[in-house]
Amino acid sequence: LFDHMTASGLWEETDIYLTSDHGEEFYDHGMYFHRNVPYDELLHVPLLTNLADGAETPATVTEDRQLLDLAPTICARHGVDVEGLPCEGRDLFAGGDRQVIASGSAAIDDSAVVAGRWDGWKYIHAEGETSLYDLDADPGEQVSVVADNPEVVAEFESTIPDALFETESAGTRTPDDEVDREQLEALGYIEV
């Protein structure tokens, strides 16, 4: 695709944003597929850009970003003022650390799942359990230090909007037919 775009002269005049909606679990935390417990193997997705017209941007953004940042970035590139629009993110290339919050639903009971990541910590509330990880000491999110850091847990719980803790999912829908079932299985939404 990129070779064709280059050969046809489109590469230099086209903004490209390449990303994914989620990662996959490969038994990193005892499960496979994408169960929505927001460990980094699910949240850390590729996000590559190629901006037309030689736009000045950093070669690599090392601070956390969110997929919510795509809409305001694209709007800014096209002169659309997002003030007053329901965009929750910020321009990808606007510097600084961010408080990244993710939500989902648990695989087992469809209860709310919430995660926050900032200041070197990762907070997860899933299936009635709260975990906290020191990402500098434990980047693989293997040993929860929630009992040793109640003040950090309190900060996350006061910063994350209460409504996210109350959200419940309707769960995976029932397939309409066999073709629909096969597609849902291929996407990992139904276990075979």
N, C-alpha and C. Protein backbone atom coordinates (compact mmCIF):
# COMPACT_ATOMS: atom_id res chain seq x y z
N LEU A 1 0.84 -1.20 0.00
CA LEU A 1 0.00 0.00 0.00
C LEU A 1 0.87 1.25 0.00
N PHE A 2 1.88 1.27 0.89
CA PHE A 2 2.73 2.45 0.98
C PHE A 2 3.55 2.63 -0.29
N ASP A 3 4.04 1.53 -0.87
CA ASP A 3 4.78 1.62 -2.12
C ASP A 3 3.89 2.18 -3.23
N HIS A 4 2.65 1.72 -3.30
CA HIS A 4 1.72 2.22 -4.31
C HIS A 4 1.44 3.72 -4.09
N MET A 5 1.25 4.10 -2.84
CA MET A 5 0.98 5.50 -2.56
C MET A 5 2.18 6.37 -2.94
N THR A 6 3.39 5.88 -2.69
CA THR A 6 4.60 6.62 -3.06
C THR A 6 4.70 6.73 -4.57
N ALA A 7 4.53 5.61 -5.26
CA ALA A 7 4.65 5.59 -6.73
C ALA A 7 3.61 6.46 -7.40
N SER A 8 2.43 6.56 -6.81
CA SER A 8 1.37 7.35 -7.43
C SER A 8 1.34 8.80 -6.96
N GLY A 9 2.31 9.18 -6.10
CA GLY A 9 2.39 10.56 -5.64
C GLY A 9 1.44 10.91 -4.51
N LEU A 10 0.81 9.92 -3.93
CA LEU A 10 -0.15 10.18 -2.85
C LEU A 10 0.50 10.27 -1.47
N TRP A 11 1.68 9.66 -1.32
CA TRP A 11 2.32 9.59 -0.01
C TRP A 11 2.56 10.97 0.59
N GLU A 12 3.07 11.89 -0.22
CA GLU A 12 3.42 13.21 0.29
C GLU A 12 2.21 14.09 0.59
N GLU A 13 1.05 13.73 0.08
CA GLU A 13 -0.12 14.59 0.27
C GLU A 13 -1.24 13.94 1.09
N THR A 14 -0.93 12.82 1.75
CA THR A 14 -1.97 12.09 2.49
C THR A 14 -1.54 11.89 3.95
N ASP A 15 -2.42 12.27 4.86
CA ASP A 15 -2.21 11.94 6.27
C ASP A 15 -2.62 10.49 6.48
N ILE A 16 -1.77 9.73 7.15
CA ILE A 16 -2.06 8.33 7.43
C ILE A 16 -1.96 8.12 8.94
N TYR A 17 -2.97 7.47 9.49
CA TYR A 17 -2.99 7.09 10.91
C TYR A 17 -3.24 5.59 10.95
N LEU A 18 -2.29 4.84 11.46
CA LEU A 18 -2.39 3.39 11.52
C LEU A 18 -2.38 2.97 12.99
N THR A 19 -3.44 2.28 13.39
CA THR A 19 -3.54 1.86 14.79
C THR A 19 -4.37 0.59 14.90
N SER A 20 -4.69 0.21 16.11
CA SER A 20 -5.50 -0.96 16.40
C SER A 20 -6.42 -0.62 17.56
N ASP A 21 -7.56 -1.27 17.65
CA ASP A 21 -8.48 -0.97 18.75
C ASP A 21 -8.08 -1.65 20.05
N HIS A 22 -7.35 -2.76 19.99
CA HIS A 22 -6.90 -3.44 21.20
C HIS A 22 -5.84 -4.46 20.85
N GLY A 23 -5.11 -4.88 21.86
CA GLY A 23 -4.14 -5.95 21.69
C GLY A 23 -4.77 -7.29 22.01
N GLU A 24 -3.94 -8.29 22.17
CA GLU A 24 -4.39 -9.65 22.48
C GLU A 24 -3.62 -10.20 23.67
N GLU A 25 -4.28 -11.03 24.45
CA GLU A 25 -3.63 -11.71 25.56
C GLU A 25 -3.11 -13.06 25.09
N PHE A 26 -1.90 -13.37 25.45
CA PHE A 26 -1.30 -14.66 25.15
C PHE A 26 -0.86 -15.31 26.45
N TYR A 27 -1.80 -15.40 27.38
CA TYR A 27 -1.63 -16.00 28.70
C TYR A 27 -0.69 -15.19 29.58
N ASP A 28 -0.47 -13.92 29.26
CA ASP A 28 0.36 -13.04 30.09
C ASP A 28 -0.19 -12.94 31.51
N HIS A 29 -1.51 -12.94 31.63
CA HIS A 29 -2.18 -12.84 32.93
C HIS A 29 -3.21 -13.95 33.09
N GLY A 30 -2.91 -15.10 32.52
CA GLY A 30 -3.75 -16.27 32.71
C GLY A 30 -4.92 -16.42 31.76
N MET A 31 -4.98 -15.59 30.73
CA MET A 31 -6.08 -15.69 29.77
C MET A 31 -5.56 -15.48 28.35
N TYR A 32 -6.38 -15.90 27.41
CA TYR A 32 -6.10 -15.66 26.00
C TYR A 32 -7.16 -14.72 25.44
N PHE A 33 -6.96 -14.28 24.21
CA PHE A 33 -7.88 -13.40 23.47
C PHE A 33 -7.83 -11.98 24.00
N HIS A 34 -8.94 -11.28 24.02
CA HIS A 34 -8.99 -9.91 24.54
C HIS A 34 -10.19 -9.78 25.46
N ARG A 35 -9.97 -10.13 26.70
CA ARG A 35 -11.02 -10.22 27.71
C ARG A 35 -11.38 -8.89 28.35
N ASN A 36 -10.74 -7.85 27.95
CA ASN A 36 -11.05 -6.50 28.44
C ASN A 36 -10.57 -6.19 29.85
N VAL A 37 -9.81 -7.05 30.50
CA VAL A 37 -9.12 -6.62 31.71
C VAL A 37 -7.92 -5.84 31.20
N PRO A 38 -7.86 -4.56 31.45
CA PRO A 38 -6.96 -3.68 30.71
C PRO A 38 -5.49 -3.70 31.16
N TYR A 39 -4.87 -4.86 31.05
CA TYR A 39 -3.42 -4.92 31.19
C TYR A 39 -2.80 -4.34 29.93
N ASP A 40 -1.52 -4.01 29.99
CA ASP A 40 -0.89 -3.34 28.85
C ASP A 40 -0.89 -4.15 27.57
N GLU A 41 -0.92 -5.49 27.65
CA GLU A 41 -0.95 -6.26 26.41
C GLU A 41 -2.23 -5.99 25.61
N LEU A 42 -3.26 -5.48 26.27
CA LEU A 42 -4.48 -5.09 25.57
C LEU A 42 -4.50 -3.61 25.21
N LEU A 43 -3.90 -2.78 26.05
CA LEU A 43 -3.98 -1.33 25.85
C LEU A 43 -2.86 -0.76 24.99
N HIS A 44 -1.70 -1.37 25.02
CA HIS A 44 -0.55 -0.84 24.27
C HIS A 44 -0.67 -1.29 22.82
N VAL A 45 -1.18 -0.41 21.99
CA VAL A 45 -1.40 -0.73 20.58
C VAL A 45 -0.51 0.16 19.70
N PRO A 46 -0.24 -0.29 18.48
CA PRO A 46 0.56 0.55 17.60
C PRO A 46 -0.21 1.83 17.22
N LEU A 47 0.52 2.89 17.07
CA LEU A 47 -0.06 4.14 16.58
C LEU A 47 1.03 4.83 15.78
N LEU A 48 0.91 4.70 14.47
CA LEU A 48 1.89 5.27 13.55
C LEU A 48 1.22 6.32 12.70
N THR A 49 1.95 7.40 12.43
CA THR A 49 1.40 8.46 11.59
C THR A 49 2.38 8.83 10.49
N ASN A 50 1.84 9.25 9.39
CA ASN A 50 2.60 9.91 8.32
C ASN A 50 1.79 11.14 7.95
N LEU A 51 2.33 12.30 8.22
CA LEU A 51 1.59 13.52 7.98
C LEU A 51 2.07 14.19 6.71
N ALA A 52 1.11 14.59 5.91
CA ALA A 52 1.40 15.24 4.63
C ALA A 52 2.04 16.59 4.85
N ASP A 53 2.54 17.15 3.83
CA ASP A 53 3.09 18.51 3.74
C ASP A 53 4.25 18.77 4.69
N GLY A 54 4.96 17.72 5.10
CA GLY A 54 6.15 17.90 5.93
C GLY A 54 5.87 18.50 7.29
N ALA A 55 4.72 18.21 7.86
CA ALA A 55 4.36 18.75 9.17
C ALA A 55 5.43 18.42 10.19
N GLU A 56 5.77 19.40 11.01
CA GLU A 56 6.79 19.22 12.04
C GLU A 56 6.16 18.51 13.25
N THR A 57 6.56 17.28 13.45
CA THR A 57 6.10 16.51 14.61
C THR A 57 7.29 15.73 15.15
N PRO A 58 7.23 15.32 16.41
CA PRO A 58 8.33 14.50 16.94
C PRO A 58 8.37 13.16 16.21
N ALA A 59 9.57 12.61 16.04
CA ALA A 59 9.71 11.30 15.39
C ALA A 59 9.04 10.23 16.24
N THR A 60 9.13 10.36 17.56
CA THR A 60 8.52 9.40 18.47
C THR A 60 7.93 10.15 19.65
N VAL A 61 6.73 9.81 20.01
CA VAL A 61 6.11 10.35 21.22
C VAL A 61 6.24 9.26 22.26
N THR A 62 6.95 9.54 23.34
CA THR A 62 7.22 8.52 24.35
C THR A 62 6.22 8.54 25.50
N GLU A 63 5.48 9.63 25.68
CA GLU A 63 4.49 9.71 26.74
C GLU A 63 3.23 8.96 26.31
N ASP A 64 2.44 8.54 27.29
CA ASP A 64 1.20 7.82 27.02
C ASP A 64 0.25 8.68 26.20
N ARG A 65 -0.43 8.03 25.28
CA ARG A 65 -1.48 8.65 24.48
C ARG A 65 -2.67 7.71 24.45
N GLN A 66 -3.80 8.22 23.95
CA GLN A 66 -5.03 7.43 23.87
C GLN A 66 -5.57 7.48 22.44
N LEU A 67 -6.35 6.49 22.09
CA LEU A 67 -7.01 6.54 20.78
C LEU A 67 -7.99 7.71 20.72
N LEU A 68 -8.46 8.17 21.88
CA LEU A 68 -9.31 9.37 21.93
C LEU A 68 -8.59 10.59 21.36
N ASP A 69 -7.26 10.53 21.30
CA ASP A 69 -6.49 11.65 20.79
C ASP A 69 -6.51 11.75 19.27
N LEU A 70 -6.96 10.72 18.59
CA LEU A 70 -6.97 10.75 17.13
C LEU A 70 -7.91 11.82 16.57
N ALA A 71 -9.15 11.87 17.07
CA ALA A 71 -10.11 12.83 16.52
C ALA A 71 -9.64 14.28 16.63
N PRO A 72 -9.20 14.74 17.81
CA PRO A 72 -8.74 16.14 17.87
C PRO A 72 -7.48 16.38 17.03
N THR A 73 -6.65 15.36 16.87
CA THR A 73 -5.45 15.50 16.03
C THR A 73 -5.84 15.69 14.58
N ILE A 74 -6.74 14.86 14.10
CA ILE A 74 -7.18 14.95 12.70
C ILE A 74 -7.92 16.27 12.48
N CYS A 75 -8.75 16.66 13.42
CA CYS A 75 -9.46 17.95 13.30
C CYS A 75 -8.47 19.10 13.22
N ALA A 76 -7.47 19.10 14.09
CA ALA A 76 -6.48 20.18 14.08
C ALA A 76 -5.75 20.24 12.75
N ARG A 77 -5.43 19.08 12.18
CA ARG A 77 -4.72 19.03 10.90
C ARG A 77 -5.55 19.64 9.77
N HIS A 78 -6.86 19.64 9.93
CA HIS A 78 -7.74 20.14 8.88
C HIS A 78 -8.42 21.45 9.26
N GLY A 79 -7.87 22.12 10.28
CA GLY A 79 -8.37 23.45 10.65
C GLY A 79 -9.71 23.46 11.35
N VAL A 80 -10.12 22.33 11.91
CA VAL A 80 -11.40 22.27 12.62
C VAL A 80 -11.14 22.52 14.10
N ASP A 81 -11.80 23.54 14.63
CA ASP A 81 -11.66 23.86 16.05
C ASP A 81 -12.52 22.90 16.85
N VAL A 82 -11.92 22.14 17.76
CA VAL A 82 -12.66 21.15 18.54
C VAL A 82 -13.29 21.74 19.80
N GLU A 83 -13.02 23.01 20.06
CA GLU A 83 -13.64 23.67 21.21
C GLU A 83 -15.16 23.57 21.07
N GLY A 84 -15.82 23.03 22.07
CA GLY A 84 -17.27 22.87 22.03
C GLY A 84 -17.73 21.56 21.42
N LEU A 85 -16.81 20.80 20.82
CA LEU A 85 -17.17 19.49 20.27
C LEU A 85 -16.95 18.43 21.35
N PRO A 86 -17.62 17.29 21.23
CA PRO A 86 -17.48 16.26 22.29
C PRO A 86 -16.21 15.42 22.16
N CYS A 87 -15.09 16.05 21.87
CA CYS A 87 -13.80 15.34 21.80
C CYS A 87 -13.21 15.30 23.20
N GLU A 88 -12.87 14.09 23.67
CA GLU A 88 -12.31 13.96 25.00
C GLU A 88 -10.79 13.94 24.99
N GLY A 89 -10.18 13.68 23.85
CA GLY A 89 -8.73 13.61 23.77
C GLY A 89 -8.10 14.95 23.48
N ARG A 90 -6.78 14.90 23.28
CA ARG A 90 -6.00 16.09 22.91
C ARG A 90 -5.12 15.72 21.73
N ASP A 91 -4.63 16.71 21.04
CA ASP A 91 -3.73 16.49 19.91
C ASP A 91 -2.61 15.53 20.33
N LEU A 92 -2.38 14.50 19.53
CA LEU A 92 -1.34 13.50 19.81
C LEU A 92 0.02 14.14 20.06
N PHE A 93 0.30 15.23 19.36
CA PHE A 93 1.63 15.82 19.39
C PHE A 93 1.77 16.93 20.42
N ALA A 94 0.68 17.24 21.15
CA ALA A 94 0.78 18.20 22.25
C ALA A 94 1.55 17.52 23.37
N GLY A 95 2.60 18.13 23.81
CA GLY A 95 3.51 17.50 24.77
C GLY A 95 2.93 17.27 26.14
N GLY A 96 3.74 16.60 26.94
CA GLY A 96 3.41 16.40 28.34
C GLY A 96 2.78 15.07 28.65
N ASP A 97 2.87 14.73 29.93
CA ASP A 97 2.25 13.51 30.43
C ASP A 97 0.74 13.68 30.50
N ARG A 98 0.06 12.57 30.47
CA ARG A 98 -1.40 12.59 30.54
C ARG A 98 -1.89 11.54 31.53
N GLN A 99 -3.05 11.77 32.04
CA GLN A 99 -3.72 10.76 32.86
C GLN A 99 -4.60 9.95 31.91
N VAL A 100 -4.16 8.74 31.62
CA VAL A 100 -4.86 7.88 30.67
C VAL A 100 -5.81 6.98 31.44
N ILE A 101 -7.07 6.96 31.02
CA ILE A 101 -8.09 6.15 31.65
C ILE A 101 -8.71 5.25 30.59
N ALA A 102 -8.88 3.98 30.93
CA ALA A 102 -9.51 3.02 30.02
C ALA A 102 -10.65 2.33 30.74
N SER A 103 -11.65 1.90 29.98
CA SER A 103 -12.77 1.18 30.57
C SER A 103 -13.15 0.02 29.66
N GLY A 104 -13.88 -0.91 30.22
CA GLY A 104 -14.33 -2.07 29.47
C GLY A 104 -15.31 -2.84 30.30
N SER A 105 -15.44 -4.13 29.99
CA SER A 105 -16.32 -4.99 30.79
C SER A 105 -15.60 -6.30 31.03
N ALA A 106 -15.87 -6.90 32.17
CA ALA A 106 -15.21 -8.15 32.54
C ALA A 106 -15.75 -9.31 31.72
N ALA A 107 -14.88 -10.27 31.45
CA ALA A 107 -15.26 -11.43 30.65
C ALA A 107 -16.26 -12.31 31.38
N ILE A 108 -16.16 -12.39 32.68
CA ILE A 108 -16.96 -13.36 33.41
C ILE A 108 -18.37 -12.85 33.71
N ASP A 109 -18.48 -11.64 34.24
CA ASP A 109 -19.81 -11.19 34.68
C ASP A 109 -20.25 -9.86 34.08
N ASP A 110 -19.55 -9.36 33.10
CA ASP A 110 -19.89 -8.10 32.43
C ASP A 110 -19.95 -6.90 33.37
N SER A 111 -19.27 -6.97 34.53
CA SER A 111 -19.21 -5.82 35.41
C SER A 111 -18.21 -4.80 34.86
N ALA A 112 -18.28 -3.59 35.39
CA ALA A 112 -17.41 -2.51 34.92
C ALA A 112 -15.94 -2.84 35.19
N VAL A 113 -15.12 -2.46 34.25
CA VAL A 113 -13.67 -2.58 34.36
C VAL A 113 -13.10 -1.20 34.09
N VAL A 114 -12.22 -0.73 34.97
CA VAL A 114 -11.64 0.60 34.83
C VAL A 114 -10.15 0.52 35.09
N ALA A 115 -9.38 1.25 34.31
CA ALA A 115 -7.94 1.33 34.54
C ALA A 115 -7.50 2.77 34.40
N GLY A 116 -6.44 3.10 35.12
CA GLY A 116 -5.82 4.41 35.00
C GLY A 116 -4.32 4.21 34.96
N ARG A 117 -3.65 5.08 34.24
CA ARG A 117 -2.19 4.97 34.13
C ARG A 117 -1.59 6.38 34.11
N TRP A 118 -0.81 6.69 35.14
CA TRP A 118 -0.06 7.94 35.16
C TRP A 118 0.95 7.91 36.30
N ASP A 119 1.91 8.80 36.21
CA ASP A 119 2.95 8.96 37.24
C ASP A 119 3.66 7.65 37.59
N GLY A 120 3.80 6.76 36.60
CA GLY A 120 4.52 5.50 36.83
C GLY A 120 3.70 4.41 37.48
N TRP A 121 2.39 4.64 37.63
CA TRP A 121 1.51 3.66 38.26
C TRP A 121 0.45 3.18 37.26
N LYS A 122 -0.04 1.97 37.48
CA LYS A 122 -1.18 1.44 36.72
C LYS A 122 -2.18 0.90 37.72
N TYR A 123 -3.40 1.43 37.67
CA TYR A 123 -4.51 1.04 38.55
C TYR A 123 -5.51 0.25 37.71
N ILE A 124 -5.99 -0.87 38.24
CA ILE A 124 -7.02 -1.64 37.56
C ILE A 124 -8.07 -2.05 38.58
N HIS A 125 -9.33 -1.79 38.24
CA HIS A 125 -10.46 -2.30 39.02
C HIS A 125 -11.26 -3.18 38.08
N ALA A 126 -11.28 -4.49 38.37
CA ALA A 126 -11.97 -5.45 37.50
C ALA A 126 -12.53 -6.59 38.32
N GLU A 127 -13.75 -6.97 38.00
CA GLU A 127 -14.40 -8.12 38.63
C GLU A 127 -14.37 -8.03 40.16
N GLY A 128 -14.59 -6.79 40.67
CA GLY A 128 -14.66 -6.57 42.10
C GLY A 128 -13.31 -6.49 42.81
N GLU A 129 -12.23 -6.61 42.09
CA GLU A 129 -10.88 -6.58 42.66
C GLU A 129 -10.15 -5.32 42.21
N THR A 130 -9.33 -4.76 43.08
CA THR A 130 -8.51 -3.61 42.72
C THR A 130 -7.04 -4.03 42.75
N SER A 131 -6.31 -3.64 41.71
CA SER A 131 -4.87 -3.91 41.62
C SER A 131 -4.14 -2.61 41.34
N LEU A 132 -2.90 -2.54 41.79
CA LEU A 132 -2.05 -1.39 41.53
C LEU A 132 -0.65 -1.91 41.21
N TYR A 133 -0.06 -1.37 40.15
CA TYR A 133 1.26 -1.82 39.72
C TYR A 133 2.21 -0.64 39.65
N ASP A 134 3.40 -0.83 40.17
CA ASP A 134 4.50 0.13 40.04
C ASP A 134 5.18 -0.21 38.72
N LEU A 135 4.92 0.55 37.69
CA LEU A 135 5.38 0.21 36.35
C LEU A 135 6.89 0.30 36.18
N ASP A 136 7.55 1.11 37.00
CA ASP A 136 9.01 1.16 36.94
C ASP A 136 9.62 -0.15 37.45
N ALA A 137 9.10 -0.65 38.54
CA ALA A 137 9.61 -1.88 39.15
C ALA A 137 9.02 -3.14 38.52
N ASP A 138 7.82 -3.02 37.94
CA ASP A 138 7.08 -4.18 37.46
C ASP A 138 6.35 -3.84 36.16
N PRO A 139 7.08 -3.62 35.05
CA PRO A 139 6.42 -3.22 33.81
C PRO A 139 5.49 -4.30 33.24
N GLY A 140 5.65 -5.54 33.66
CA GLY A 140 4.79 -6.62 33.19
C GLY A 140 3.51 -6.77 33.98
N GLU A 141 3.29 -5.87 34.96
CA GLU A 141 2.07 -5.87 35.77
C GLU A 141 1.80 -7.25 36.37
N GLN A 142 2.77 -7.78 37.09
CA GLN A 142 2.65 -9.11 37.66
C GLN A 142 2.37 -9.12 39.16
N VAL A 143 2.85 -8.10 39.90
CA VAL A 143 2.71 -8.10 41.36
C VAL A 143 1.98 -6.82 41.79
N SER A 144 0.76 -6.99 42.26
CA SER A 144 0.00 -5.84 42.72
C SER A 144 0.55 -5.35 44.05
N VAL A 145 0.69 -4.03 44.14
CA VAL A 145 1.18 -3.40 45.37
C VAL A 145 0.08 -2.53 45.99
N VAL A 146 -1.16 -2.95 45.76
CA VAL A 146 -2.30 -2.16 46.22
C VAL A 146 -2.30 -1.98 47.74
N ALA A 147 -1.95 -3.03 48.50
CA ALA A 147 -1.98 -2.94 49.97
C ALA A 147 -0.94 -1.99 50.52
N ASP A 148 0.16 -1.81 49.80
CA ASP A 148 1.25 -0.96 50.28
C ASP A 148 1.10 0.50 49.88
N ASN A 149 0.10 0.83 49.05
CA ASN A 149 -0.01 2.19 48.51
C ASN A 149 -1.45 2.70 48.52
N PRO A 150 -2.09 2.76 49.68
CA PRO A 150 -3.50 3.19 49.71
C PRO A 150 -3.69 4.62 49.24
N GLU A 151 -2.69 5.48 49.44
CA GLU A 151 -2.83 6.87 48.99
C GLU A 151 -2.83 6.97 47.47
N VAL A 152 -2.09 6.12 46.79
CA VAL A 152 -2.07 6.11 45.32
C VAL A 152 -3.41 5.58 44.81
N VAL A 153 -3.91 4.51 45.43
CA VAL A 153 -5.22 3.96 45.06
C VAL A 153 -6.29 5.04 45.24
N ALA A 154 -6.26 5.75 46.35
CA ALA A 154 -7.24 6.81 46.61
C ALA A 154 -7.18 7.90 45.55
N GLU A 155 -5.98 8.25 45.10
CA GLU A 155 -5.86 9.27 44.06
C GLU A 155 -6.51 8.80 42.76
N PHE A 156 -6.24 7.56 42.36
CA PHE A 156 -6.86 7.03 41.14
C PHE A 156 -8.37 7.02 41.27
N GLU A 157 -8.86 6.54 42.41
CA GLU A 157 -10.31 6.41 42.58
C GLU A 157 -11.01 7.76 42.68
N SER A 158 -10.31 8.79 43.12
CA SER A 158 -10.92 10.12 43.16
C SER A 158 -10.81 10.84 41.82
N THR A 159 -9.84 10.44 41.00
CA THR A 159 -9.64 11.09 39.70
C THR A 159 -10.51 10.47 38.60
N ILE A 160 -10.62 9.16 38.61
CA ILE A 160 -11.42 8.46 37.59
C ILE A 160 -12.90 8.76 37.85
N PRO A 161 -13.64 9.17 36.81
CA PRO A 161 -15.06 9.51 37.00
C PRO A 161 -15.86 8.33 37.59
N ASP A 162 -16.69 8.64 38.59
CA ASP A 162 -17.50 7.60 39.26
C ASP A 162 -18.34 6.80 38.27
N ALA A 163 -18.84 7.43 37.24
CA ALA A 163 -19.72 6.75 36.29
C ALA A 163 -19.02 5.56 35.63
N LEU A 164 -17.71 5.61 35.48
CA LEU A 164 -17.00 4.49 34.86
C LEU A 164 -16.99 3.26 35.75
N PHE A 165 -17.07 3.45 37.05
CA PHE A 165 -17.12 2.32 37.98
C PHE A 165 -18.51 1.68 38.00
N GLU A 166 -19.51 2.38 37.50
CA GLU A 166 -20.89 1.90 37.55
C GLU A 166 -21.36 1.30 36.24
N THR A 167 -20.60 1.48 35.18
CA THR A 167 -21.00 1.01 33.86
C THR A 167 -20.99 -0.51 33.80
N GLU A 168 -22.04 -1.07 33.25
CA GLU A 168 -22.08 -2.50 33.01
C GLU A 168 -22.33 -2.73 31.53
N SER A 169 -21.81 -3.83 31.04
CA SER A 169 -21.94 -4.19 29.64
C SER A 169 -23.12 -5.14 29.46
N ALA A 170 -23.71 -5.08 28.31
CA ALA A 170 -24.77 -6.02 27.97
C ALA A 170 -24.19 -7.37 27.58
N GLY A 171 -22.87 -7.46 27.48
CA GLY A 171 -22.23 -8.71 27.11
C GLY A 171 -22.19 -8.90 25.61
N THR A 172 -21.68 -10.04 25.20
CA THR A 172 -21.59 -10.35 23.78
C THR A 172 -22.97 -10.75 23.28
N ARG A 173 -23.35 -10.21 22.16
CA ARG A 173 -24.67 -10.50 21.62
C ARG A 173 -24.74 -11.92 21.07
N THR A 174 -25.95 -12.43 20.96
CA THR A 174 -26.18 -13.75 20.39
C THR A 174 -26.04 -13.64 18.87
N PRO A 175 -25.29 -14.56 18.24
CA PRO A 175 -25.12 -14.49 16.79
C PRO A 175 -26.46 -14.64 16.06
N ASP A 176 -26.58 -13.93 14.93
CA ASP A 176 -27.81 -13.99 14.13
C ASP A 176 -27.93 -15.30 13.37
N ASP A 177 -26.80 -15.82 12.90
CA ASP A 177 -26.80 -17.05 12.12
C ASP A 177 -25.40 -17.67 12.18
N GLU A 178 -25.17 -18.74 11.44
CA GLU A 178 -23.88 -19.44 11.51
C GLU A 178 -22.74 -18.58 10.96
N VAL A 179 -22.97 -17.82 9.93
CA VAL A 179 -21.93 -16.94 9.38
C VAL A 179 -21.56 -15.88 10.42
N ASP A 180 -22.56 -15.31 11.06
CA ASP A 180 -22.33 -14.32 12.12
C ASP A 180 -21.54 -14.94 13.26
N ARG A 181 -21.91 -16.17 13.65
CA ARG A 181 -21.20 -16.88 14.73
C ARG A 181 -19.73 -17.06 14.35
N GLU A 182 -19.45 -17.49 13.13
CA GLU A 182 -18.07 -17.70 12.69
C GLU A 182 -17.27 -16.40 12.72
N GLN A 183 -17.91 -15.29 12.33
CA GLN A 183 -17.22 -14.00 12.35
C GLN A 183 -16.91 -13.56 13.78
N LEU A 184 -17.86 -13.74 14.69
CA LEU A 184 -17.63 -13.40 16.09
C LEU A 184 -16.55 -14.28 16.71
N GLU A 185 -16.53 -15.57 16.35
CA GLU A 185 -15.47 -16.46 16.83
C GLU A 185 -14.11 -16.02 16.30
N ALA A 186 -14.03 -15.66 15.02
CA ALA A 186 -12.77 -15.24 14.41
C ALA A 186 -12.24 -13.97 15.06
N LEU A 187 -13.12 -13.11 15.51
CA LEU A 187 -12.72 -11.87 16.17
C LEU A 187 -12.41 -12.07 17.65
N GLY A 188 -12.66 -13.27 18.17
CA GLY A 188 -12.35 -13.56 19.56
C GLY A 188 -13.46 -13.18 20.54
N TYR A 189 -14.67 -12.94 20.04
CA TYR A 189 -15.77 -12.57 20.92
C TYR A 189 -16.56 -13.77 21.41
N ILE A 190 -16.35 -14.92 20.79
CA ILE A 190 -16.97 -16.17 21.21
C ILE A 190 -15.88 -17.21 21.22
N GLU A 191 -15.75 -17.92 22.33
CA GLU A 191 -14.75 -18.98 22.37
C GLU A 191 -15.26 -20.18 21.61
N VAL A 192 -14.34 -20.81 20.88
CA VAL A 192 -14.69 -21.99 20.09
C VAL A 192 -14.76 -23.19 21.00
